[in-house]
C-alpha atoms as a PDB file:
ATOM      1  CA  MET A   1      35.593 153.025  96.305  1.00  0.00           C
ATOM      2  CA  MET A   2      37.924 155.459  97.998  1.00  0.00           C
ATOM      3  CA  GLU A   3      39.845 153.046 100.178  1.00  0.00           C
ATOM      4  CA  GLN A   4      43.562 153.798 100.155  1.00  0.00           C
ATOM      5  CA  SER A   5      42.875 157.527  99.725  1.00  0.00           C
ATOM      6  CA  GLY A   6      44.236 160.108 102.181  1.00  0.00           C
ATOM      7  CA  ILE A   7      47.600 161.786 102.643  1.00  0.00           C
ATOM      8  CA  ASP A   8      49.547 159.140 100.706  1.00  0.00           C
ATOM      9  CA  ASP A   9      47.092 159.347  97.843  1.00  0.00           C
ATOM     10  CA  GLU A  10      47.257 163.149  97.918  1.00  0.00           C
ATOM     11  CA  ASP A  11      51.061 163.132  97.775  1.00  0.00           C
ATOM     12  CA  LEU A  12      50.988 160.644  94.923  1.00  0.00           C
ATOM     13  CA  LEU A  13      48.435 162.684  93.040  1.00  0.00           C
ATOM     14  CA  GLU A  14      50.348 165.920  93.540  1.00  0.00           C
ATOM     15  CA  ALA A  15      53.578 164.358  92.246  1.00  0.00           C
ATOM     16  CA  TRP A  16      51.661 163.006  89.241  1.00  0.00           C
ATOM     17  CA  ARG A  17      50.151 166.415  88.513  1.00  0.00           C
ATOM     18  CA  GLN A  18      53.585 168.037  88.648  1.00  0.00           C
ATOM     19  CA  GLY A  19      55.117 165.455  86.324  1.00  0.00           C
ATOM     20  CA  LYS A  20      57.480 164.287  89.066  1.00  0.00           C
ATOM     21  CA  LEU A  21      56.142 160.764  89.198  1.00  0.00           C
ATOM     22  CA  SER A  22      57.868 158.160  87.035  1.00  0.00           C
ATOM     23  CA  ARG A  23      55.834 155.469  85.340  1.00  0.00           C
ATOM     24  CA  ARG A  24      57.336 152.875  87.648  1.00  0.00           C
ATOM     25  CA  ASP A  25      56.525 154.877  90.776  1.00  0.00           C
ATOM     26  CA  LEU A  26      52.984 155.440  89.544  1.00  0.00           C
ATOM     27  CA  TYR A  27      52.530 151.703  89.052  1.00  0.00           C
ATOM     28  CA  VAL A  28      54.018 150.902  92.464  1.00  0.00           C
ATOM     29  CA  GLY A  29      51.657 153.414  94.051  1.00  0.00           C
ATOM     30  CA  VAL A  30      48.447 152.002  92.559  1.00  0.00           C
ATOM     31  CA  SER A  31      49.138 148.365  91.636  1.00  0.00           C
ATOM     32  CA  ALA A  32      48.148 146.744  94.946  1.00  0.00           C
ATOM     33  CA  PRO A  33      44.692 148.363  95.222  1.00  0.00           C
ATOM     34  CA  MET A  34      44.151 147.871  91.490  1.00  0.00           C
ATOM     35  CA  ARG A  35      44.910 144.165  91.821  1.00  0.00           C
ATOM     36  CA  GLN A  36      42.424 143.833  94.685  1.00  0.00           C
ATOM     37  CA  ALA A  37      39.786 145.687  92.683  1.00  0.00           C
ATOM     38  CA  ALA A  38      40.386 143.603  89.545  1.00  0.00           C
ATOM     39  CA  ARG A  39      40.001 140.383  91.536  1.00  0.00           C
ATOM     40  CA  ARG A  40      36.812 141.707  93.089  1.00  0.00           C
ATOM     41  CA  GLY A  41      35.463 142.703  89.679  1.00  0.00           C
ATOM     42  CA  ILE A  42      36.145 139.298  88.120  1.00  0.00           C
ATOM     43  CA  ARG A  43      34.712 137.450  91.101  1.00  0.00           C
ATOM     44  CA  SER A  44      31.531 139.574  91.052  1.00  0.00           C
ATOM     45  CA  ILE A  45      30.781 138.253  87.552  1.00  0.00           C
ATOM     46  CA  THR A  46      32.083 134.664  87.650  1.00  0.00           C
ATOM     47  CA  SER A  47      31.336 133.901  91.330  1.00  0.00           C
ATOM     48  CA  SER A  48      34.652 132.045  91.486  1.00  0.00           C
ATOM     49  CA  ASP A  49      38.280 132.767  92.306  1.00  0.00           C
ATOM     50  CA  PRO A  50      39.834 134.535  89.300  1.00  0.00           C
ATOM     51  CA  ASP A  51      42.714 133.184  87.289  1.00  0.00           C
ATOM     52  CA  PRO A  52      45.910 135.131  88.188  1.00  0.00           C
ATOM     53  CA  HIS A  53      46.578 135.760  84.489  1.00  0.00           C
ATOM     54  CA  GLU A  54      43.146 137.365  84.111  1.00  0.00           C
ATOM     55  CA  VAL A  55      43.890 139.588  87.089  1.00  0.00           C
ATOM     56  CA  ASP A  56      47.250 140.586  85.596  1.00  0.00           C
ATOM     57  CA  ASP A  57      45.638 141.398  82.235  1.00  0.00           C
ATOM     58  CA  SER A  58      42.912 143.460  83.892  1.00  0.00           C
ATOM     59  CA  VAL A  59      45.452 145.424  85.942  1.00  0.00           C
ATOM     60  CA  THR A  60      47.598 146.073  82.855  1.00  0.00           C
ATOM     61  CA  GLN A  61      44.612 147.352  80.867  1.00  0.00           C
ATOM     62  CA  ALA A  62      43.454 149.462  83.792  1.00  0.00           C
ATOM     63  CA  PHE A  63      46.899 150.979  84.328  1.00  0.00           C
ATOM     64  CA  LEU A  64      47.191 151.954  80.656  1.00  0.00           C
ATOM     65  CA  GLU A  65      43.754 153.552  80.902  1.00  0.00           C
ATOM     66  CA  LEU A  66      44.767 155.378  84.087  1.00  0.00           C
ATOM     67  CA  GLU A  67      47.833 156.818  82.359  1.00  0.00           C
ATOM     68  CA  ARG A  68      45.604 158.387  79.709  1.00  0.00           C
ATOM     69  CA  GLN A  69      43.658 160.385  82.295  1.00  0.00           C
ATOM     70  CA  GLU A  70      44.192 164.117  82.719  1.00  0.00           C
ATOM     71  CA  PRO A  71      45.903 164.544  86.131  1.00  0.00           C
ATOM     72  CA  LEU A  72      44.344 167.948  86.795  1.00  0.00           C
ATOM     73  CA  GLU A  73      40.853 166.435  86.507  1.00  0.00           C
ATOM     74  CA  VAL A  74      41.544 163.657  89.025  1.00  0.00           C
ATOM     75  CA  THR A  75      40.624 164.163  92.681  1.00  0.00           C
ATOM     76  CA  SER A  76      41.840 160.784  94.003  1.00  0.00           C
ATOM     77  CA  LEU A  77      44.454 158.906  92.034  1.00  0.00           C
ATOM     78  CA  VAL A  78      44.116 155.641  93.944  1.00  0.00           C
ATOM     79  CA  GLY A  79      40.334 155.917  94.018  1.00  0.00           C
ATOM     80  CA  LEU A  80      40.237 156.349  90.238  1.00  0.00           C
ATOM     81  CA  ALA A  81      42.673 153.463  89.761  1.00  0.00           C
ATOM     82  CA  ILE A  82      40.405 151.228  91.835  1.00  0.00           C
ATOM     83  CA  ARG A  83      37.299 152.165  89.843  1.00  0.00           C
ATOM     84  CA  ILE A  84      39.018 151.514  86.509  1.00  0.00           C
ATOM     85  CA  ALA A  85      40.493 148.200  87.658  1.00  0.00           C
ATOM     86  CA  LEU A  86      37.121 147.073  88.984  1.00  0.00           C
ATOM     87  CA  ARG A  87      35.497 147.744  85.605  1.00  0.00           C
ATOM     88  CA  ARG A  88      38.270 146.012  83.678  1.00  0.00           C
ATOM     89  CA  GLY A  89      37.961 143.060  86.048  1.00  0.00           C
ATOM     90  CA  GLN A  90      34.231 142.904  85.365  1.00  0.00           C
ATOM     91  CA  ASP A  91      34.951 142.991  81.627  1.00  0.00           C
ATOM     92  CA  SER A  92      37.351 140.084  82.067  1.00  0.00           C
ATOM     93  CA  GLY A  93      34.744 138.175  84.047  1.00  0.00           C
ATOM     94  CA  ARG A  94      32.190 138.649  81.292  1.00  0.00           C
ATOM     95  CA  ARG A  95      34.680 137.333  78.723  1.00  0.00           C
ATOM     96  CA  THR A  96      35.284 134.303  80.911  1.00  0.00           C
ATOM     97  CA  ILE A  97      31.546 133.609  81.118  1.00  0.00           C
ATOM     98  CA  ARG A  98      31.200 133.903  77.343  1.00  0.00           C
ATOM     99  CA  GLU A  99      34.159 131.563  76.806  1.00  0.00           C
ATOM    100  CA  ARG A 100      32.685 129.004  79.204  1.00  0.00           C
ATOM    101  CA  GLU A 101      29.360 129.123  77.379  1.00  0.00           C
ATOM    102  CA  GLN A 102      31.143 128.654  74.057  1.00  0.00           C
ATOM    103  CA  MET A 103      33.113 125.699  75.398  1.00  0.00           C
ATOM    104  CA  ARG A 104      29.951 124.097  76.800  1.00  0.00           C
ATOM    105  CA  SER A 105      28.369 124.470  73.379  1.00  0.00           C
ATOM    106  CA  MET A 106      31.347 122.698  71.844  1.00  0.00           C
ATOM    107  CA  ILE A 107      31.265 119.898  74.442  1.00  0.00           C
ATOM    108  CA  ASN A 108      27.578 119.373  73.673  1.00  0.00           C
ATOM    109  CA  HIS A 109      28.368 119.325  69.965  1.00  0.00           C
ATOM    110  CA  LEU A 110      31.094 116.731  70.493  1.00  0.00           C
ATOM    111  CA  GLY A 111      28.644 114.534  72.343  1.00  0.00           C
ATOM    112  CA  VAL A 112      31.234 113.704  75.019  1.00  0.00           C
ATOM    113  CA  THR A 113      29.694 112.985  78.403  1.00  0.00           C
ATOM    114  CA  ALA A 114      31.053 112.428  81.844  1.00  0.00           C
ATOM    115  CA  ASP A 115      30.802 109.254  83.889  1.00  0.00           C
ATOM    116  CA  PRO A 116      27.077 108.802  84.776  1.00  0.00           C
ATOM    117  CA  GLN A 117      27.989 108.321  88.442  1.00  0.00           C
ATOM    118  CA  PHE A 118      28.598 112.051  88.682  1.00  0.00           C
ATOM    119  CA  TYR A 119      25.029 112.895  87.715  1.00  0.00           C
ATOM    120  CA  ASP A 120      23.570 111.903  91.077  1.00  0.00           C
ATOM    121  CA  ASP A 121      24.358 115.339  92.376  1.00  0.00           C
ATOM    122  CA  ASP A 122      24.042 118.698  90.615  1.00  0.00           C
ATOM    123  CA  VAL A 123      27.248 120.014  92.172  1.00  0.00           C
ATOM    124  CA  CYS A 124      29.222 116.963  91.054  1.00  0.00           C
ATOM    125  CA  GLU A 125      27.736 117.267  87.589  1.00  0.00           C
ATOM    126  CA  ALA A 126      28.834 120.889  87.337  1.00  0.00           C
ATOM    127  CA  ALA A 127      32.315 119.989  88.558  1.00  0.00           C
ATOM    128  CA  GLU A 128      32.644 117.211  86.010  1.00  0.00           C
ATOM    129  CA  ARG A 129      31.489 119.543  83.248  1.00  0.00           C
ATOM    130  CA  GLU A 130      34.333 121.880  84.204  1.00  0.00           C
ATOM    131  CA  VAL A 131      36.740 118.935  83.952  1.00  0.00           C
ATOM    132  CA  LEU A 132      35.465 118.208  80.445  1.00  0.00           C
ATOM    133  CA  LEU A 133      35.907 121.855  79.517  1.00  0.00           C
ATOM    134  CA  GLY A 134      39.498 121.712  80.739  1.00  0.00           C
ATOM    135  CA  HIS A 135      40.146 118.598  78.666  1.00  0.00           C
ATOM    136  CA  ALA A 136      38.622 120.255  75.595  1.00  0.00           C
ATOM    137  CA  LEU A 137      40.758 123.363  76.000  1.00  0.00           C
ATOM    138  CA  ARG A 138      43.937 121.303  76.224  1.00  0.00           C
ATOM    139  CA  CYS A 139      42.892 119.168  73.263  1.00  0.00           C
ATOM    140  CA  MET A 140      42.241 122.250  71.142  1.00  0.00           C
ATOM    141  CA  ALA A 141      45.912 123.115  71.464  1.00  0.00           C
ATOM    142  CA  GLY A 142      46.633 120.042  69.350  1.00  0.00           C
ATOM    143  CA  LEU A 143      44.587 121.249  66.368  1.00  0.00           C
ATOM    144  CA  THR A 144      46.159 122.978  63.392  1.00  0.00           C
ATOM    145  CA  ASN A 145      45.566 126.719  63.126  1.00  0.00           C
ATOM    146  CA  GLU A 146      42.947 126.224  60.429  1.00  0.00           C
ATOM    147  CA  GLN A 147      41.187 123.448  62.329  1.00  0.00           C
ATOM    148  CA  LEU A 148      41.130 125.617  65.435  1.00  0.00           C
ATOM    149  CA  ASP A 149      39.709 128.508  63.428  1.00  0.00           C
ATOM    150  CA  ILE A 150      36.883 126.471  61.901  1.00  0.00           C
ATOM    151  CA  VAL A 151      35.886 124.955  65.249  1.00  0.00           C
ATOM    152  CA  GLN A 152      35.911 128.282  67.049  1.00  0.00           C
ATOM    153  CA  ALA A 153      34.090 130.102  64.259  1.00  0.00           C
ATOM    154  CA  THR A 154      31.403 127.587  63.304  1.00  0.00           C
ATOM    155  CA  ILE A 155      30.829 125.796  66.612  1.00  0.00           C
ATOM    156  CA  MET A 156      31.688 128.268  69.339  1.00  0.00           C
ATOM    157  CA  GLU A 157      30.863 131.565  67.619  1.00  0.00           C
ATOM    158  CA  SER A 158      27.960 130.441  65.394  1.00  0.00           C
ATOM    159  CA  GLU A 159      29.458 131.511  62.059  1.00  0.00           C
ATOM    160  CA  SER A 160      27.859 129.500  59.257  1.00  0.00           C
ATOM    161  CA  LEU A 161      30.014 126.889  57.562  1.00  0.00           C
ATOM    162  CA  SER A 162      29.287 128.544  54.217  1.00  0.00           C
ATOM    163  CA  ASP A 163      30.538 131.902  55.458  1.00  0.00           C
ATOM    164  CA  TRP A 164      33.671 130.315  56.892  1.00  0.00           C
ATOM    165  CA  ALA A 165      34.352 128.471  53.628  1.00  0.00           C
ATOM    166  CA  LEU A 166      33.970 131.710  51.687  1.00  0.00           C
ATOM    167  CA  ARG A 167      36.294 133.535  54.075  1.00  0.00           C
ATOM    168  CA  ALA A 168      38.891 130.755  53.888  1.00  0.00           C
ATOM    169  CA  GLY A 169      38.635 130.392  50.115  1.00  0.00           C
ATOM    170  CA  LYS A 170      37.433 126.780  50.310  1.00  0.00           C
ATOM    171  CA  SER A 171      34.485 124.863  48.911  1.00  0.00           C
ATOM    172  CA  HIS A 172      31.644 124.064  51.316  1.00  0.00           C
ATOM    173  CA  GLN A 173      32.390 120.354  50.928  1.00  0.00           C
ATOM    174  CA  SER A 174      36.067 120.817  51.740  1.00  0.00           C
ATOM    175  CA  ALA A 175      35.230 122.963  54.773  1.00  0.00           C
ATOM    176  CA  SER A 176      32.723 120.364  55.976  1.00  0.00           C
ATOM    177  CA  ARG A 177      35.314 117.586  55.747  1.00  0.00           C
ATOM    178  CA  GLN A 178      37.868 119.696  57.584  1.00  0.00           C
ATOM    179  CA  ARG A 179      35.463 120.475  60.413  1.00  0.00           C
ATOM    180  CA  THR A 180      34.474 116.821  60.678  1.00  0.00           C
ATOM    181  CA  ARG A 181      38.114 115.777  60.982  1.00  0.00           C
ATOM    182  CA  ALA A 182      38.780 118.482  63.580  1.00  0.00           C
ATOM    183  CA  LEU A 183      35.775 117.482  65.700  1.00  0.00           C
ATOM    184  CA  GLU A 184      36.630 113.799  65.496  1.00  0.00           C
ATOM    185  CA  SER A 185      40.164 114.578  66.598  1.00  0.00           C
ATOM    186  CA  LEU A 186      38.792 116.523  69.556  1.00  0.00           C
ATOM    187  CA  ARG A 187      36.384 113.721  70.459  1.00  0.00           C
ATOM    188  CA  ARG A 188      39.174 111.164  70.523  1.00  0.00           C
ATOM    189  CA  CYS A 189      41.409 113.437  72.565  1.00  0.00           C
ATOM    190  CA  VAL A 190      38.732 114.376  75.137  1.00  0.00           C
ATOM    191  CA  ARG A 191      37.568 110.770  75.503  1.00  0.00           C
ATOM    192  CA  SER A 192      41.151 109.647  75.952  1.00  0.00           C
ATOM    193  CA  LYS A 193      41.787 112.225  78.661  1.00  0.00           C
ATOM    194  CA  THR A 194      38.479 111.413  80.367  1.00  0.00           C
ATOM    195  CA  SER A 195      39.280 107.691  80.325  1.00  0.00           C
ATOM    196  CA  THR A 196      42.794 108.302  81.646  1.00  0.00           C
ATOM    197  CA  ALA A 197      41.501 110.549  84.424  1.00  0.00           C
ATOM    198  CA  GLY A 198      38.945 107.910  85.406  1.00  0.00           C
ATOM    199  CA  GLY A 199      41.640 105.247  85.523  1.00  0.00           C
ATOM    200  CA  ASN A 200      43.800 107.444  87.733  1.00  0.00           C
ATOM    201  CA  ASP A 201      40.899 107.989  90.103  1.00  0.00           C
ATOM    202  CA  GLU A 202      40.294 104.259  90.374  1.00  0.00           C
ATOM    203  CA  SER A 203      43.960 103.550  91.073  1.00  0.00           C
ATOM    204  CA  ARG A 204      44.095 105.782  94.110  1.00  0.00           C
END
């Protein structure tokens, strides 16, 4: 965990301890190893190449955490930055896994399935499931804020419909109708995108 340490790290740390290091210079000094560590942390949890935005978010969180450290208690500035970024990357990876599980739950609830031809092979099945998840995510952007909230809360996060209705100040019947409309809208959208994608594949 101490890669990048040495004379450069020592000079950086000494300047930081003396208050001679600007925020920008601190970031320039640690951002590259932090980015590598964040990517490694995300990949260790998801077993896939991380989204660049997730890496950026992890590095930002890690840098803010690094700034809060007491310089006199740090023995390797870059080494500490790497450790923090690795942990924040792992946190991001865990969030990604939870979000994928929630989206799979919603896909199952929608009852939308992929083309049966994909099910001959487990790898192809998994790939097609990811395609469906991508369609669902894009379709969710077309929901109203309240529709999005009820789907996320009662389908993806397991909040009861009664609790959601109470929180939103609606009757259970009204909440049920709203969720039904939201899910039907998602079904139509996902099926449309799946059908369009299949047609594009056939036309190639």
